[in-house]
Amino acid sequence: MREIGVLEAKTSFTSLIAEVERTGEEVLVTRRGRAAVKIVPASPQRRTRSPEERRAIAEEIIAWRDAQPIDSTLAEMSWDELKKVIRDEDRHD
């Protein structure tokens, strides 16, 4: 967690907020060397992932998808037929 003094936080507040939103990292604001307040993202899941992180996630999803067995019955259905099957299954659950 990054620490920043009150004066520096005051002079760069807008960019500080943007940084917390972008990175998701909390910032501790200190006064005379003591913790005063903590700036935290309102929604931690909004953190922007790096291109490398996004690529790694995509590769994991693709590997998982490729490892799944293919149901030949479903593969031959049209999109409208698939939606009907899904809706029918939801009604029976």
PDB file of N, CA and C in Angstrom:
ATOM      1  N   MET A   1       0.851  -1.168   0.000  1.00  0.00           N
ATOM      2  CA  MET A   1       0.000   0.000   0.000  1.00  0.00           C
ATOM      3  C   MET A   1       0.900   1.236   0.000  1.00  0.00           C
ATOM      4  N   ARG A   2       0.576   2.123  -0.858  1.00  0.00           N
ATOM      5  CA  ARG A   2       1.346   3.360  -0.982  1.00  0.00           C
ATOM      6  C   ARG A   2       0.957   4.332   0.130  1.00  0.00           C
ATOM      7  N   GLU A   3       1.941   5.060   0.659  1.00  0.00           N
ATOM      8  CA  GLU A   3       1.685   6.100   1.659  1.00  0.00           C
ATOM      9  C   GLU A   3       2.017   7.452   1.065  1.00  0.00           C
ATOM     10  N   ILE A   4       1.224   8.440   1.420  1.00  0.00           N
ATOM     11  CA  ILE A   4       1.413   9.781   0.893  1.00  0.00           C
ATOM     12  C   ILE A   4       1.032  10.780   1.985  1.00  0.00           C
ATOM     13  N   GLY A   5       1.779  11.870   2.080  1.00  0.00           N
ATOM     14  CA  GLY A   5       1.488  12.896   3.071  1.00  0.00           C
ATOM     15  C   GLY A   5       0.262  13.714   2.688  1.00  0.00           C
ATOM     16  N   VAL A   6      -0.350  14.357   3.688  1.00  0.00           N
ATOM     17  CA  VAL A   6      -1.561  15.144   3.463  1.00  0.00           C
ATOM     18  C   VAL A   6      -1.338  16.235   2.424  1.00  0.00           C
ATOM     19  N   LEU A   7      -0.239  16.969   2.519  1.00  0.00           N
ATOM     20  CA  LEU A   7       0.007  18.068   1.584  1.00  0.00           C
ATOM     21  C   LEU A   7       0.122  17.552   0.153  1.00  0.00           C
ATOM     22  N   GLU A   8       0.872  16.478  -0.043  1.00  0.00           N
ATOM     23  CA  GLU A   8       1.007  15.912  -1.385  1.00  0.00           C
ATOM     24  C   GLU A   8      -0.337  15.388  -1.891  1.00  0.00           C
ATOM     25  N   ALA A   9      -1.115  14.764  -1.002  1.00  0.00           N
ATOM     26  CA  ALA A   9      -2.438  14.260  -1.391  1.00  0.00           C
ATOM     27  C   ALA A   9      -3.339  15.413  -1.814  1.00  0.00           C
ATOM     28  N   LYS A  10      -3.245  16.521  -1.092  1.00  0.00           N
ATOM     29  CA  LYS A  10      -4.075  17.689  -1.409  1.00  0.00           C
ATOM     30  C   LYS A  10      -3.721  18.261  -2.778  1.00  0.00           C
ATOM     31  N   THR A  11      -2.441  18.362  -3.071  1.00  0.00           N
ATOM     32  CA  THR A  11      -2.023  18.976  -4.335  1.00  0.00           C
ATOM     33  C   THR A  11      -2.240  18.064  -5.540  1.00  0.00           C
ATOM     34  N   SER A  12      -2.322  16.765  -5.311  1.00  0.00           N
ATOM     35  CA  SER A  12      -2.492  15.843  -6.448  1.00  0.00           C
ATOM     36  C   SER A  12      -3.725  14.962  -6.277  1.00  0.00           C
ATOM     37  N   PHE A  13      -4.762  15.509  -5.649  1.00  0.00           N
ATOM     38  CA  PHE A  13      -5.938  14.710  -5.308  1.00  0.00           C
ATOM     39  C   PHE A  13      -6.599  14.070  -6.531  1.00  0.00           C
ATOM     40  N   THR A  14      -6.793  14.845  -7.599  1.00  0.00           N
ATOM     41  CA  THR A  14      -7.462  14.314  -8.787  1.00  0.00           C
ATOM     42  C   THR A  14      -6.693  13.141  -9.383  1.00  0.00           C
ATOM     43  N   SER A  15      -5.384  13.294  -9.533  1.00  0.00           N
ATOM     44  CA  SER A  15      -4.593  12.199 -10.105  1.00  0.00           C
ATOM     45  C   SER A  15      -4.502  11.024  -9.132  1.00  0.00           C
ATOM     46  N   LEU A  16      -4.527  11.306  -7.844  1.00  0.00           N
ATOM     47  CA  LEU A  16      -4.503  10.252  -6.831  1.00  0.00           C
ATOM     48  C   LEU A  16      -5.771   9.396  -6.922  1.00  0.00           C
ATOM     49  N   ILE A  17      -6.914  10.053  -7.057  1.00  0.00           N
ATOM     50  CA  ILE A  17      -8.177   9.329  -7.201  1.00  0.00           C
ATOM     51  C   ILE A  17      -8.162   8.485  -8.477  1.00  0.00           C
ATOM     52  N   ALA A  18      -7.691   9.073  -9.569  1.00  0.00           N
ATOM     53  CA  ALA A  18      -7.626   8.341 -10.843  1.00  0.00           C
ATOM     54  C   ALA A  18      -6.733   7.107 -10.711  1.00  0.00           C
ATOM     55  N   GLU A  19      -5.628   7.249 -10.004  1.00  0.00           N
ATOM     56  CA  GLU A  19      -4.704   6.121  -9.806  1.00  0.00           C
ATOM     57  C   GLU A  19      -5.364   4.994  -9.013  1.00  0.00           C
ATOM     58  N   VAL A  20      -6.069   5.357  -7.940  1.00  0.00           N
ATOM     59  CA  VAL A  20      -6.745   4.345  -7.119  1.00  0.00           C
ATOM     60  C   VAL A  20      -7.815   3.629  -7.942  1.00  0.00           C
ATOM     61  N   GLU A  21      -8.568   4.390  -8.741  1.00  0.00           N
ATOM     62  CA  GLU A  21      -9.582   3.774  -9.601  1.00  0.00           C
ATOM     63  C   GLU A  21      -8.952   2.836 -10.624  1.00  0.00           C
ATOM     64  N   ARG A  22      -7.847   3.274 -11.226  1.00  0.00           N
ATOM     65  CA  ARG A  22      -7.201   2.514 -12.295  1.00  0.00           C
ATOM     66  C   ARG A  22      -6.523   1.248 -11.778  1.00  0.00           C
ATOM     67  N   THR A  23      -5.786   1.368 -10.674  1.00  0.00           N
ATOM     68  CA  THR A  23      -4.986   0.240 -10.187  1.00  0.00           C
ATOM     69  C   THR A  23      -5.689  -0.616  -9.145  1.00  0.00           C
ATOM     70  N   GLY A  24      -6.659  -0.025  -8.444  1.00  0.00           N
ATOM     71  CA  GLY A  24      -7.319  -0.747  -7.361  1.00  0.00           C
ATOM     72  C   GLY A  24      -6.499  -0.773  -6.088  1.00  0.00           C
ATOM     73  N   GLU A  25      -5.334  -0.146  -6.113  1.00  0.00           N
ATOM     74  CA  GLU A  25      -4.446  -0.134  -4.948  1.00  0.00           C
ATOM     75  C   GLU A  25      -4.887   0.937  -3.955  1.00  0.00           C
ATOM     76  N   GLU A  26      -4.910   0.575  -2.677  1.00  0.00           N
ATOM     77  CA  GLU A  26      -5.269   1.523  -1.627  1.00  0.00           C
ATOM     78  C   GLU A  26      -4.112   2.481  -1.380  1.00  0.00           C
ATOM     79  N   VAL A  27      -4.443   3.699  -0.938  1.00  0.00           N
ATOM     80  CA  VAL A  27      -3.427   4.696  -0.617  1.00  0.00           C
ATOM     81  C   VAL A  27      -3.688   5.183   0.803  1.00  0.00           C
ATOM     82  N   LEU A  28      -2.658   5.161   1.628  1.00  0.00           N
ATOM     83  CA  LEU A  28      -2.754   5.632   3.003  1.00  0.00           C
ATOM     84  C   LEU A  28      -2.256   7.068   3.058  1.00  0.00           C
ATOM     85  N   VAL A  29      -3.098   7.967   3.550  1.00  0.00           N
ATOM     86  CA  VAL A  29      -2.716   9.374   3.678  1.00  0.00           C
ATOM     87  C   VAL A  29      -2.286   9.595   5.124  1.00  0.00           C
ATOM     88  N   THR A  30      -1.084  10.155   5.281  1.00  0.00           N
ATOM     89  CA  THR A  30      -0.538  10.357   6.623  1.00  0.00           C
ATOM     90  C   THR A  30      -0.466  11.839   6.971  1.00  0.00           C
ATOM     91  N   ARG A  31      -0.557  12.107   8.270  1.00  0.00           N
ATOM     92  CA  ARG A  31      -0.379  13.465   8.791  1.00  0.00           C
ATOM     93  C   ARG A  31       0.693  13.368   9.881  1.00  0.00           C
ATOM     94  N   ARG A  32       1.780  14.086   9.651  1.00  0.00           N
ATOM     95  CA  ARG A  32       2.927  14.058  10.569  1.00  0.00           C
ATOM     96  C   ARG A  32       3.405  12.626  10.825  1.00  0.00           C
ATOM     97  N   GLY A  33       3.411  11.831   9.768  1.00  0.00           N
ATOM     98  CA  GLY A  33       3.925  10.473   9.856  1.00  0.00           C
ATOM     99  C   GLY A  33       2.957   9.437  10.393  1.00  0.00           C
ATOM    100  N   ARG A  34       1.760   9.865  10.786  1.00  0.00           N
ATOM    101  CA  ARG A  34       0.774   8.920  11.314  1.00  0.00           C
ATOM    102  C   ARG A  34      -0.370   8.745  10.322  1.00  0.00           C
ATOM    103  N   ALA A  35      -0.888   7.546  10.266  1.00  0.00           N
ATOM    104  CA  ALA A  35      -2.007   7.265   9.362  1.00  0.00           C
ATOM    105  C   ALA A  35      -3.196   8.145   9.719  1.00  0.00           C
ATOM    106  N   ALA A  36      -3.756   8.807   8.704  1.00  0.00           N
ATOM    107  CA  ALA A  36      -4.920   9.665   8.919  1.00  0.00           C
ATOM    108  C   ALA A  36      -6.157   9.066   8.250  1.00  0.00           C
ATOM    109  N   VAL A  37      -6.053   8.813   6.961  1.00  0.00           N
ATOM    110  CA  VAL A  37      -7.169   8.222   6.213  1.00  0.00           C
ATOM    111  C   VAL A  37      -6.616   7.274   5.161  1.00  0.00           C
ATOM    112  N   LYS A  38      -7.500   6.424   4.675  1.00  0.00           N
ATOM    113  CA  LYS A  38      -7.128   5.505   3.605  1.00  0.00           C
ATOM    114  C   LYS A  38      -8.073   5.752   2.436  1.00  0.00           C
ATOM    115  N   ILE A  39      -7.514   5.886   1.244  1.00  0.00           N
ATOM    116  CA  ILE A  39      -8.317   6.016   0.032  1.00  0.00           C
ATOM    117  C   ILE A  39      -8.370   4.631  -0.604  1.00  0.00           C
ATOM    118  N   VAL A  40      -9.587   4.136  -0.765  1.00  0.00           N
ATOM    119  CA  VAL A  40      -9.774   2.800  -1.333  1.00  0.00           C
ATOM    120  C   VAL A  40     -10.740   2.887  -2.510  1.00  0.00           C
ATOM    121  N   PRO A  41     -10.606   1.990  -3.470  1.00  0.00           N
ATOM    122  CA  PRO A  41     -11.552   2.007  -4.591  1.00  0.00           C
ATOM    123  C   PRO A  41     -12.951   1.631  -4.103  1.00  0.00           C
ATOM    124  N   ALA A  42     -13.950   2.294  -4.647  1.00  0.00           N
ATOM    125  CA  ALA A  42     -15.333   1.993  -4.266  1.00  0.00           C
ATOM    126  C   ALA A  42     -15.722   0.600  -4.722  1.00  0.00           C
ATOM    127  N   SER A  43     -15.153   0.172  -5.829  1.00  0.00           N
ATOM    128  CA  SER A  43     -15.487  -1.123  -6.405  1.00  0.00           C
ATOM    129  C   SER A  43     -14.190  -1.807  -6.824  1.00  0.00           C
ATOM    130  N   PRO A  44     -13.604  -2.659  -5.965  1.00  0.00           N
ATOM    131  CA  PRO A  44     -12.306  -3.270  -6.261  1.00  0.00           C
ATOM    132  C   PRO A  44     -12.236  -4.028  -7.579  1.00  0.00           C
ATOM    133  N   GLN A  45     -13.349  -4.608  -8.024  1.00  0.00           N
ATOM    134  CA  GLN A  45     -13.306  -5.377  -9.263  1.00  0.00           C
ATOM    135  C   GLN A  45     -13.121  -4.506 -10.493  1.00  0.00           C
ATOM    136  N   ARG A  46     -13.159  -3.183 -10.367  1.00  0.00           N
ATOM    137  CA  ARG A  46     -12.994  -2.307 -11.519  1.00  0.00           C
ATOM    138  C   ARG A  46     -11.527  -2.130 -11.908  1.00  0.00           C
ATOM    139  N   ARG A  47     -10.623  -2.731 -11.160  1.00  0.00           N
ATOM    140  CA  ARG A  47      -9.203  -2.574 -11.453  1.00  0.00           C
ATOM    141  C   ARG A  47      -8.911  -2.984 -12.891  1.00  0.00           C
ATOM    142  N   THR A  48      -8.177  -2.145 -13.577  1.00  0.00           N
ATOM    143  CA  THR A  48      -7.813  -2.427 -14.960  1.00  0.00           C
ATOM    144  C   THR A  48      -6.670  -3.437 -14.984  1.00  0.00           C
ATOM    145  N   ARG A  49      -6.840  -4.482 -15.732  1.00  0.00           N
ATOM    146  CA  ARG A  49      -5.800  -5.505 -15.837  1.00  0.00           C
ATOM    147  C   ARG A  49      -4.821  -5.130 -16.946  1.00  0.00           C
ATOM    148  N   SER A  50      -3.594  -5.534 -16.746  1.00  0.00           N
ATOM    149  CA  SER A  50      -2.566  -5.274 -17.752  1.00  0.00           C
ATOM    150  C   SER A  50      -2.834  -6.159 -18.970  1.00  0.00           C
ATOM    151  N   PRO A  51      -2.269  -5.797 -20.123  1.00  0.00           N
ATOM    152  CA  PRO A  51      -2.445  -6.642 -21.310  1.00  0.00           C
ATOM    153  C   PRO A  51      -1.969  -8.078 -21.071  1.00  0.00           C
ATOM    154  N   GLU A  52      -0.898  -8.234 -20.299  1.00  0.00           N
ATOM    155  CA  GLU A  52      -0.382  -9.575 -20.011  1.00  0.00           C
ATOM    156  C   GLU A  52      -1.381 -10.374 -19.176  1.00  0.00           C
ATOM    157  N   GLU A  53      -1.995  -9.708 -18.168  1.00  0.00           N
ATOM    158  CA  GLU A  53      -2.987 -10.395 -17.340  1.00  0.00           C
ATOM    159  C   GLU A  53      -4.202 -10.801 -18.175  1.00  0.00           C
ATOM    160  N   ARG A  54      -4.669  -9.888 -19.035  1.00  0.00           N
ATOM    161  CA  ARG A  54      -5.824 -10.194 -19.888  1.00  0.00           C
ATOM    162  C   ARG A  54      -5.508 -11.349 -20.837  1.00  0.00           C
ATOM    163  N   ARG A  55      -4.304 -11.355 -21.392  1.00  0.00           N
ATOM    164  CA  ARG A  55      -3.900 -12.425 -22.300  1.00  0.00           C
ATOM    165  C   ARG A  55      -3.871 -13.767 -21.561  1.00  0.00           C
ATOM    166  N   ALA A  56      -3.310 -13.778 -20.347  1.00  0.00           N
ATOM    167  CA  ALA A  56      -3.230 -15.019 -19.566  1.00  0.00           C
ATOM    168  C   ALA A  56      -4.627 -15.543 -19.233  1.00  0.00           C
ATOM    169  N   ILE A  57      -5.538 -14.650 -18.880  1.00  0.00           N
ATOM    170  CA  ILE A  57      -6.910 -15.059 -18.576  1.00  0.00           C
ATOM    171  C   ILE A  57      -7.575 -15.634 -19.819  1.00  0.00           C
ATOM    172  N   ALA A  58      -7.403 -14.958 -20.950  1.00  0.00           N
ATOM    173  CA  ALA A  58      -7.992 -15.442 -22.207  1.00  0.00           C
ATOM    174  C   ALA A  58      -7.446 -16.817 -22.562  1.00  0.00           C
ATOM    175  N   GLU A  59      -6.143 -17.030 -22.361  1.00  0.00           N
ATOM    176  CA  GLU A  59      -5.545 -18.329 -22.665  1.00  0.00           C
ATOM    177  C   GLU A  59      -6.112 -19.424 -21.767  1.00  0.00           C
ATOM    178  N   GLU A  60      -6.345 -19.101 -20.484  1.00  0.00           N
ATOM    179  CA  GLU A  60      -6.942 -20.077 -19.569  1.00  0.00           C
ATOM    180  C   GLU A  60      -8.362 -20.433 -19.999  1.00  0.00           C
ATOM    181  N   ILE A  61      -9.127 -19.425 -20.401  1.00  0.00           N
ATOM    182  CA  ILE A  61     -10.502 -19.675 -20.843  1.00  0.00           C
ATOM    183  C   ILE A  61     -10.513 -20.539 -22.097  1.00  0.00           C
ATOM    184  N   ILE A  62      -9.643 -20.218 -23.042  1.00  0.00           N
ATOM    185  CA  ILE A  62      -9.569 -20.988 -24.286  1.00  0.00           C
ATOM    186  C   ILE A  62      -9.157 -22.434 -23.999  1.00  0.00           C
ATOM    187  N   ALA A  63      -8.172 -22.619 -23.115  1.00  0.00           N
ATOM    188  CA  ALA A  63      -7.730 -23.974 -22.770  1.00  0.00           C
ATOM    189  C   ALA A  63      -8.866 -24.755 -22.114  1.00  0.00           C
ATOM    190  N   TRP A  64      -9.607 -24.106 -21.217  1.00  0.00           N
ATOM    191  CA  TRP A  64     -10.738 -24.771 -20.573  1.00  0.00           C
ATOM    192  C   TRP A  64     -11.796 -25.144 -21.609  1.00  0.00           C
ATOM    193  N   ARG A  65     -12.131 -24.178 -22.482  1.00  0.00           N
ATOM    194  CA  ARG A  65     -13.144 -24.425 -23.517  1.00  0.00           C
ATOM    195  C   ARG A  65     -12.733 -25.592 -24.414  1.00  0.00           C
ATOM    196  N   ASP A  66     -11.481 -25.594 -24.844  1.00  0.00           N
ATOM    197  CA  ASP A  66     -11.005 -26.641 -25.746  1.00  0.00           C
ATOM    198  C   ASP A  66     -10.978 -28.020 -25.086  1.00  0.00           C
ATOM    199  N   ALA A  67     -10.909 -28.057 -23.753  1.00  0.00           N
ATOM    200  CA  ALA A  67     -10.877 -29.330 -23.034  1.00  0.00           C
ATOM    201  C   ALA A  67     -12.274 -29.907 -22.820  1.00  0.00           C
ATOM    202  N   GLN A  68     -13.315 -29.122 -23.094  1.00  0.00           N
ATOM    203  CA  GLN A  68     -14.687 -29.584 -22.884  1.00  0.00           C
ATOM    204  C   GLN A  68     -15.119 -30.496 -24.029  1.00  0.00           C
ATOM    205  N   PRO A  69     -15.826 -31.574 -23.688  1.00  0.00           N
ATOM    206  CA  PRO A  69     -16.310 -32.468 -24.745  1.00  0.00           C
ATOM    207  C   PRO A  69     -17.384 -31.763 -25.579  1.00  0.00           C
ATOM    208  N   ILE A  70     -17.414 -32.084 -26.841  1.00  0.00           N
ATOM    209  CA  ILE A  70     -18.394 -31.479 -27.739  1.00  0.00           C
ATOM    210  C   ILE A  70     -19.585 -32.414 -27.863  1.00  0.00           C
ATOM    211  N   ASP A  71     -20.761 -31.876 -27.610  1.00  0.00           N
ATOM    212  CA  ASP A  71     -21.999 -32.640 -27.777  1.00  0.00           C
ATOM    213  C   ASP A  71     -22.433 -32.461 -29.226  1.00  0.00           C
ATOM    214  N   SER A  72     -22.310 -33.513 -30.017  1.00  0.00           N
ATOM    215  CA  SER A  72     -22.600 -33.403 -31.452  1.00  0.00           C
ATOM    216  C   SER A  72     -24.051 -33.026 -31.716  1.00  0.00           C
ATOM    217  N   THR A  73     -24.950 -33.408 -30.817  1.00  0.00           N
ATOM    218  CA  THR A  73     -26.358 -33.037 -30.990  1.00  0.00           C
ATOM    219  C   THR A  73     -26.516 -31.523 -30.929  1.00  0.00           C
ATOM    220  N   LEU A  74     -25.890 -30.914 -29.929  1.00  0.00           N
ATOM    221  CA  LEU A  74     -25.978 -29.460 -29.778  1.00  0.00           C
ATOM    222  C   LEU A  74     -25.228 -28.746 -30.894  1.00  0.00           C
ATOM    223  N   ALA A  75     -24.127 -29.317 -31.343  1.00  0.00           N
ATOM    224  CA  ALA A  75     -23.319 -28.677 -32.383  1.00  0.00           C
ATOM    225  C   ALA A  75     -24.083 -28.533 -33.689  1.00  0.00           C
ATOM    226  N   GLU A  76     -25.040 -29.419 -33.922  1.00  0.00           N
ATOM    227  CA  GLU A  76     -25.799 -29.384 -35.172  1.00  0.00           C
ATOM    228  C   GLU A  76     -27.033 -28.492 -35.102  1.00  0.00           C
ATOM    229  N   MET A  77     -27.377 -27.991 -33.906  1.00  0.00           N
ATOM    230  CA  MET A  77     -28.585 -27.178 -33.739  1.00  0.00           C
ATOM    231  C   MET A  77     -28.344 -25.730 -34.146  1.00  0.00           C
ATOM    232  N   SER A  78     -29.420 -25.090 -34.564  1.00  0.00           N
ATOM    233  CA  SER A  78     -29.345 -23.653 -34.856  1.00  0.00           C
ATOM    234  C   SER A  78     -29.366 -22.893 -33.534  1.00  0.00           C
ATOM    235  N   TRP A  79     -29.052 -21.627 -33.587  1.00  0.00           N
ATOM    236  CA  TRP A  79     -29.052 -20.782 -32.390  1.00  0.00           C
ATOM    237  C   TRP A  79     -30.447 -20.749 -31.766  1.00  0.00           C
ATOM    238  N   ASP A  80     -31.483 -20.617 -32.572  1.00  0.00           N
ATOM    239  CA  ASP A  80     -32.855 -20.584 -32.054  1.00  0.00           C
ATOM    240  C   ASP A  80     -33.221 -21.896 -31.362  1.00  0.00           C
ATOM    241  N   GLU A  81     -32.788 -23.021 -31.927  1.00  0.00           N
ATOM    242  CA  GLU A  81     -33.055 -24.318 -31.303  1.00  0.00           C
ATOM    243  C   GLU A  81     -32.330 -24.441 -29.962  1.00  0.00           C
ATOM    244  N   LEU A  82     -31.091 -23.966 -29.908  1.00  0.00           N
ATOM    245  CA  LEU A  82     -30.328 -24.008 -28.654  1.00  0.00           C
ATOM    246  C   LEU A  82     -31.006 -23.171 -27.575  1.00  0.00           C
ATOM    247  N   LYS A  83     -31.475 -21.977 -27.937  1.00  0.00           N
ATOM    248  CA  LYS A  83     -32.160 -21.121 -26.961  1.00  0.00           C
ATOM    249  C   LYS A  83     -33.404 -21.821 -26.417  1.00  0.00           C
ATOM    250  N   LYS A  84     -34.133 -22.509 -27.284  1.00  0.00           N
ATOM    251  CA  LYS A  84     -35.336 -23.221 -26.851  1.00  0.00           C
ATOM    252  C   LYS A  84     -34.971 -24.334 -25.865  1.00  0.00           C
ATOM    253  N   VAL A  85     -33.917 -25.073 -26.144  1.00  0.00           N
ATOM    254  CA  VAL A  85     -33.472 -26.139 -25.240  1.00  0.00           C
ATOM    255  C   VAL A  85     -33.124 -25.559 -23.872  1.00  0.00           C
ATOM    256  N   ILE A  86     -32.399 -24.460 -23.869  1.00  0.00           N
ATOM    257  CA  ILE A  86     -31.995 -23.834 -22.604  1.00  0.00           C
ATOM    258  C   ILE A  86     -33.219 -23.358 -21.834  1.00  0.00           C
ATOM    259  N   ARG A  87     -34.143 -22.706 -22.517  1.00  0.00           N
ATOM    260  CA  ARG A  87     -35.369 -22.228 -21.858  1.00  0.00           C
ATOM    261  C   ARG A  87     -36.162 -23.400 -21.274  1.00  0.00           C
ATOM    262  N   ASP A  88     -36.275 -24.479 -22.024  1.00  0.00           N
ATOM    263  CA  ASP A  88     -37.011 -25.649 -21.541  1.00  0.00           C
ATOM    264  C   ASP A  88     -36.348 -26.243 -20.303  1.00  0.00           C
ATOM    265  N   GLU A  89     -35.014 -26.291 -20.272  1.00  0.00           N
ATOM    266  CA  GLU A  89     -34.296 -26.825 -19.110  1.00  0.00           C
ATOM    267  C   GLU A  89     -34.513 -25.934 -17.897  1.00  0.00           C
ATOM    268  N   ASP A  90     -34.545 -24.610 -18.099  1.00  0.00           N
ATOM    269  CA  ASP A  90     -34.774 -23.682 -16.990  1.00  0.00           C
ATOM    270  C   ASP A  90     -36.161 -23.880 -16.379  1.00  0.00           C
ATOM    271  N   ARG A  91     -37.139 -24.189 -17.196  1.00  0.00           N
ATOM    272  CA  ARG A  91     -38.513 -24.378 -16.705  1.00  0.00           C
ATOM    273  C   ARG A  91     -38.646 -25.657 -15.875  1.00  0.00           C
ATOM    274  N   HIS A  92     -37.818 -26.647 -16.184  1.00  0.00           N
ATOM    275  CA  HIS A  92     -37.919 -27.937 -15.501  1.00  0.00           C
ATOM    276  C   HIS A  92     -37.082 -27.993 -14.229  1.00  0.00           C
ATOM    277  N   ASP A  93     -36.268 -27.002 -13.984  1.00  0.00           N
ATOM    278  CA  ASP A  93     -35.415 -27.001 -12.772  1.00  0.00           C
ATOM    279  C   ASP A  93     -36.142 -26.504 -11.556  1.00  0.00           C
TER     280      ASP A  93
END
